[in-house]
């Protein structure tokens, strides 16, 4: 075969290896961020957990777990406006995720918006 073919094959394989390496680093970063956020939340450091989960939302925008935990923490802290935004964004991202629906319904029920809360349960 021609040397050009082998050169192109080598470049393609090396490029694929670099892409896999980047994904591996992202997975490690995701797991580290997740673990730190959960540990901060469990130890009662809600402000630290909010900061960590907020970083996770920015770093991994397509992953709903960070949004869910951040929304719940905002809701518990009385920041219902921020929590509502995150719940709605989470529902747009993952419309079948029950935890977003339940959290948002609890928030709406707390604001005495009964009809809207019931719609979230359906």
C-alpha atoms as a PDB file:
ATOM      1  CA  UNK A   1       0.000   0.000   0.000  1.00  0.00           C
ATOM      2  CA  UNK A   2       1.010   3.563  -0.437  1.00  0.00           C
ATOM      3  CA  UNK A   3       2.861   5.386   2.317  1.00  0.00           C
ATOM      4  CA  UNK A   4       0.203   8.121   2.278  1.00  0.00           C
ATOM      5  CA  UNK A   5      -2.432   5.589   3.351  1.00  0.00           C
ATOM      6  CA  UNK A   6      -0.343   4.468   6.302  1.00  0.00           C
ATOM      7  CA  UNK A   7       0.342   8.051   7.283  1.00  0.00           C
ATOM      8  CA  UNK A   8      -3.358   8.903   7.189  1.00  0.00           C
ATOM      9  CA  UNK A   9      -4.206   5.775   9.174  1.00  0.00           C
ATOM     10  CA  UNK A  10      -1.607   6.647  11.802  1.00  0.00           C
ATOM     11  CA  UNK A  11      -2.921  10.220  12.103  1.00  0.00           C
ATOM     12  CA  UNK A  12      -6.503   8.939  12.436  1.00  0.00           C
ATOM     13  CA  UNK A  13      -5.548   6.444  15.133  1.00  0.00           C
ATOM     14  CA  UNK A  14      -3.553   8.994  17.108  1.00  0.00           C
ATOM     15  CA  UNK A  15      -6.350  11.519  16.827  1.00  0.00           C
ATOM     16  CA  UNK A  16      -8.817   8.927  18.131  1.00  0.00           C
ATOM     17  CA  UNK A  17      -6.526   8.161  21.053  1.00  0.00           C
ATOM     18  CA  UNK A  18      -6.406  11.846  21.996  1.00  0.00           C
ATOM     19  CA  UNK A  19     -10.203  12.084  21.855  1.00  0.00           C
ATOM     20  CA  UNK A  20     -10.554   9.048  24.118  1.00  0.00           C
ATOM     21  CA  UNK A  21      -8.002  10.533  26.502  1.00  0.00           C
ATOM     22  CA  UNK A  22     -10.021  13.774  26.708  1.00  0.00           C
ATOM     23  CA  UNK A  23     -13.193  11.821  27.446  1.00  0.00           C
ATOM     24  CA  UNK A  24     -11.441   9.860  30.163  1.00  0.00           C
ATOM     25  CA  UNK A  25     -10.266  13.078  31.809  1.00  0.00           C
ATOM     26  CA  UNK A  26     -13.796  14.518  31.580  1.00  0.00           C
ATOM     27  CA  UNK A  27     -15.215  11.395  33.227  1.00  0.00           C
ATOM     28  CA  UNK A  28     -12.709  11.664  36.052  1.00  0.00           C
ATOM     29  CA  UNK A  29     -13.463  15.385  36.453  1.00  0.00           C
ATOM     30  CA  UNK A  30     -17.219  14.654  36.476  1.00  0.00           C
ATOM     31  CA  UNK A  31     -16.837  11.976  39.159  1.00  0.00           C
ATOM     32  CA  UNK A  32     -14.567  14.170  41.283  1.00  0.00           C
ATOM     33  CA  UNK A  33     -16.927  17.146  41.078  1.00  0.00           C
ATOM     34  CA  UNK A  34     -19.926  14.942  41.853  1.00  0.00           C
ATOM     35  CA  UNK A  35     -18.237  13.333  44.859  1.00  0.00           C
ATOM     36  CA  UNK A  36     -17.093  16.681  46.279  1.00  0.00           C
ATOM     37  CA  UNK A  37     -20.587  18.136  45.924  1.00  0.00           C
ATOM     38  CA  UNK A  38     -22.269  15.172  47.597  1.00  0.00           C
ATOM     39  CA  UNK A  39     -19.742  15.158  50.453  1.00  0.00           C
ATOM     40  CA  UNK A  40     -20.200  18.898  51.022  1.00  0.00           C
ATOM     41  CA  UNK A  41     -23.966  18.475  51.013  1.00  0.00           C
ATOM     42  CA  UNK A  42     -23.869  15.525  53.408  1.00  0.00           C
ATOM     43  CA  UNK A  43     -21.612  17.383  55.822  1.00  0.00           C
ATOM     44  CA  UNK A  44     -24.036  20.321  55.938  1.00  0.00           C
ATOM     45  CA  UNK A  45     -21.902  22.753  53.935  1.00  0.00           C
ATOM     46  CA  UNK A  46     -24.755  23.819  51.676  1.00  0.00           C
ATOM     47  CA  UNK A  47     -23.006  26.964  50.380  1.00  0.00           C
ATOM     48  CA  UNK A  48     -19.948  24.928  49.362  1.00  0.00           C
ATOM     49  CA  UNK A  49     -22.171  22.273  47.792  1.00  0.00           C
ATOM     50  CA  UNK A  50     -24.003  24.990  45.828  1.00  0.00           C
ATOM     51  CA  UNK A  51     -20.692  26.318  44.518  1.00  0.00           C
ATOM     52  CA  UNK A  52     -19.521  22.842  43.503  1.00  0.00           C
ATOM     53  CA  UNK A  53     -22.811  21.873  41.840  1.00  0.00           C
ATOM     54  CA  UNK A  54     -22.932  25.252  40.097  1.00  0.00           C
ATOM     55  CA  UNK A  55     -19.486  24.518  38.670  1.00  0.00           C
ATOM     56  CA  UNK A  56     -20.784  21.104  37.588  1.00  0.00           C
ATOM     57  CA  UNK A  57     -23.756  22.676  35.781  1.00  0.00           C
ATOM     58  CA  UNK A  58     -21.410  24.952  33.845  1.00  0.00           C
ATOM     59  CA  UNK A  59     -18.798  22.273  33.137  1.00  0.00           C
ATOM     60  CA  UNK A  60     -21.255  19.500  32.199  1.00  0.00           C
ATOM     61  CA  UNK A  61     -24.351  21.276  30.813  1.00  0.00           C
ATOM     62  CA  UNK A  62     -26.000  18.162  29.386  1.00  0.00           C
ATOM     63  CA  UNK A  63     -25.864  16.220  32.649  1.00  0.00           C
ATOM     64  CA  UNK A  64     -28.956  16.814  34.780  1.00  0.00           C
ATOM     65  CA  UNK A  65     -27.723  15.514  38.131  1.00  0.00           C
ATOM     66  CA  UNK A  66     -25.840  18.679  39.006  1.00  0.00           C
ATOM     67  CA  UNK A  67     -28.884  20.799  38.145  1.00  0.00           C
ATOM     68  CA  UNK A  68     -31.166  18.639  40.241  1.00  0.00           C
ATOM     69  CA  UNK A  69     -29.019  18.868  43.361  1.00  0.00           C
ATOM     70  CA  UNK A  70     -28.402  22.590  42.875  1.00  0.00           C
ATOM     71  CA  UNK A  71     -32.137  23.249  42.402  1.00  0.00           C
ATOM     72  CA  UNK A  72     -32.941  21.297  45.555  1.00  0.00           C
ATOM     73  CA  UNK A  73     -30.329  23.201  47.564  1.00  0.00           C
ATOM     74  CA  UNK A  74     -31.636  26.546  46.300  1.00  0.00           C
ATOM     75  CA  UNK A  75     -35.171  25.467  47.172  1.00  0.00           C
ATOM     76  CA  UNK A  76     -34.111  24.486  50.702  1.00  0.00           C
ATOM     77  CA  UNK A  77     -32.318  27.826  51.097  1.00  0.00           C
ATOM     78  CA  UNK A  78     -35.488  29.711  50.136  1.00  0.00           C
ATOM     79  CA  UNK A  79     -34.161  30.838  46.763  1.00  0.00           C
ATOM     80  CA  UNK A  80     -37.226  29.557  44.931  1.00  0.00           C
ATOM     81  CA  UNK A  81     -36.708  31.737  41.858  1.00  0.00           C
ATOM     82  CA  UNK A  82     -33.322  30.195  41.132  1.00  0.00           C
ATOM     83  CA  UNK A  83     -34.620  26.731  41.976  1.00  0.00           C
ATOM     84  CA  UNK A  84     -37.577  27.120  39.597  1.00  0.00           C
ATOM     85  CA  UNK A  85     -35.272  28.147  36.755  1.00  0.00           C
ATOM     86  CA  UNK A  86     -33.061  25.095  37.308  1.00  0.00           C
ATOM     87  CA  UNK A  87     -36.045  22.739  37.569  1.00  0.00           C
ATOM     88  CA  UNK A  88     -37.461  24.081  34.295  1.00  0.00           C
ATOM     89  CA  UNK A  89     -34.065  23.819  32.587  1.00  0.00           C
ATOM     90  CA  UNK A  90     -33.752  20.268  33.870  1.00  0.00           C
ATOM     91  CA  UNK A  91     -37.194  19.382  32.555  1.00  0.00           C
ATOM     92  CA  UNK A  92     -36.267  20.825  29.168  1.00  0.00           C
ATOM     93  CA  UNK A  93     -33.081  18.759  29.221  1.00  0.00           C
ATOM     94  CA  UNK A  94     -34.658  15.540  30.531  1.00  0.00           C
ATOM     95  CA  UNK A  95     -38.460  15.768  30.222  1.00  0.00           C
ATOM     96  CA  UNK A  96     -39.075  12.263  31.571  1.00  0.00           C
ATOM     97  CA  UNK A  97     -36.929  12.682  34.687  1.00  0.00           C
ATOM     98  CA  UNK A  98     -39.366  12.236  37.566  1.00  0.00           C
ATOM     99  CA  UNK A  99     -37.122  13.885  40.167  1.00  0.00           C
ATOM    100  CA  UNK A 100     -37.232  17.209  38.299  1.00  0.00           C
ATOM    101  CA  UNK A 101     -41.021  17.015  38.097  1.00  0.00           C
ATOM    102  CA  UNK A 102     -41.431  16.168  41.773  1.00  0.00           C
ATOM    103  CA  UNK A 103     -39.041  18.860  42.935  1.00  0.00           C
ATOM    104  CA  UNK A 104     -40.708  21.479  40.768  1.00  0.00           C
ATOM    105  CA  UNK A 105     -44.161  20.341  41.925  1.00  0.00           C
ATOM    106  CA  UNK A 106     -43.078  20.670  45.580  1.00  0.00           C
ATOM    107  CA  UNK A 107     -41.810  24.168  44.874  1.00  0.00           C
ATOM    108  CA  UNK A 108     -45.075  25.148  43.175  1.00  0.00           C
ATOM    109  CA  UNK A 109     -47.148  23.634  45.978  1.00  0.00           C
ATOM    110  CA  UNK A 110     -45.110  25.627  48.500  1.00  0.00           C
ATOM    111  CA  UNK A 111     -46.093  28.765  46.590  1.00  0.00           C
ATOM    112  CA  UNK A 112     -49.745  27.638  46.701  1.00  0.00           C
ATOM    113  CA  UNK A 113     -49.856  27.236  42.931  1.00  0.00           C
ATOM    114  CA  UNK A 114     -51.907  24.071  43.230  1.00  0.00           C
ATOM    115  CA  UNK A 115     -53.026  23.686  39.607  1.00  0.00           C
ATOM    116  CA  UNK A 116     -49.476  24.071  38.301  1.00  0.00           C
ATOM    117  CA  UNK A 117     -48.191  21.638  40.938  1.00  0.00           C
ATOM    118  CA  UNK A 118     -50.776  18.999  39.978  1.00  0.00           C
ATOM    119  CA  UNK A 119     -49.819  19.370  36.316  1.00  0.00           C
ATOM    120  CA  UNK A 120     -46.229  18.468  37.203  1.00  0.00           C
ATOM    121  CA  UNK A 121     -47.379  15.276  38.893  1.00  0.00           C
ATOM    122  CA  UNK A 122     -49.223  14.128  35.775  1.00  0.00           C
END
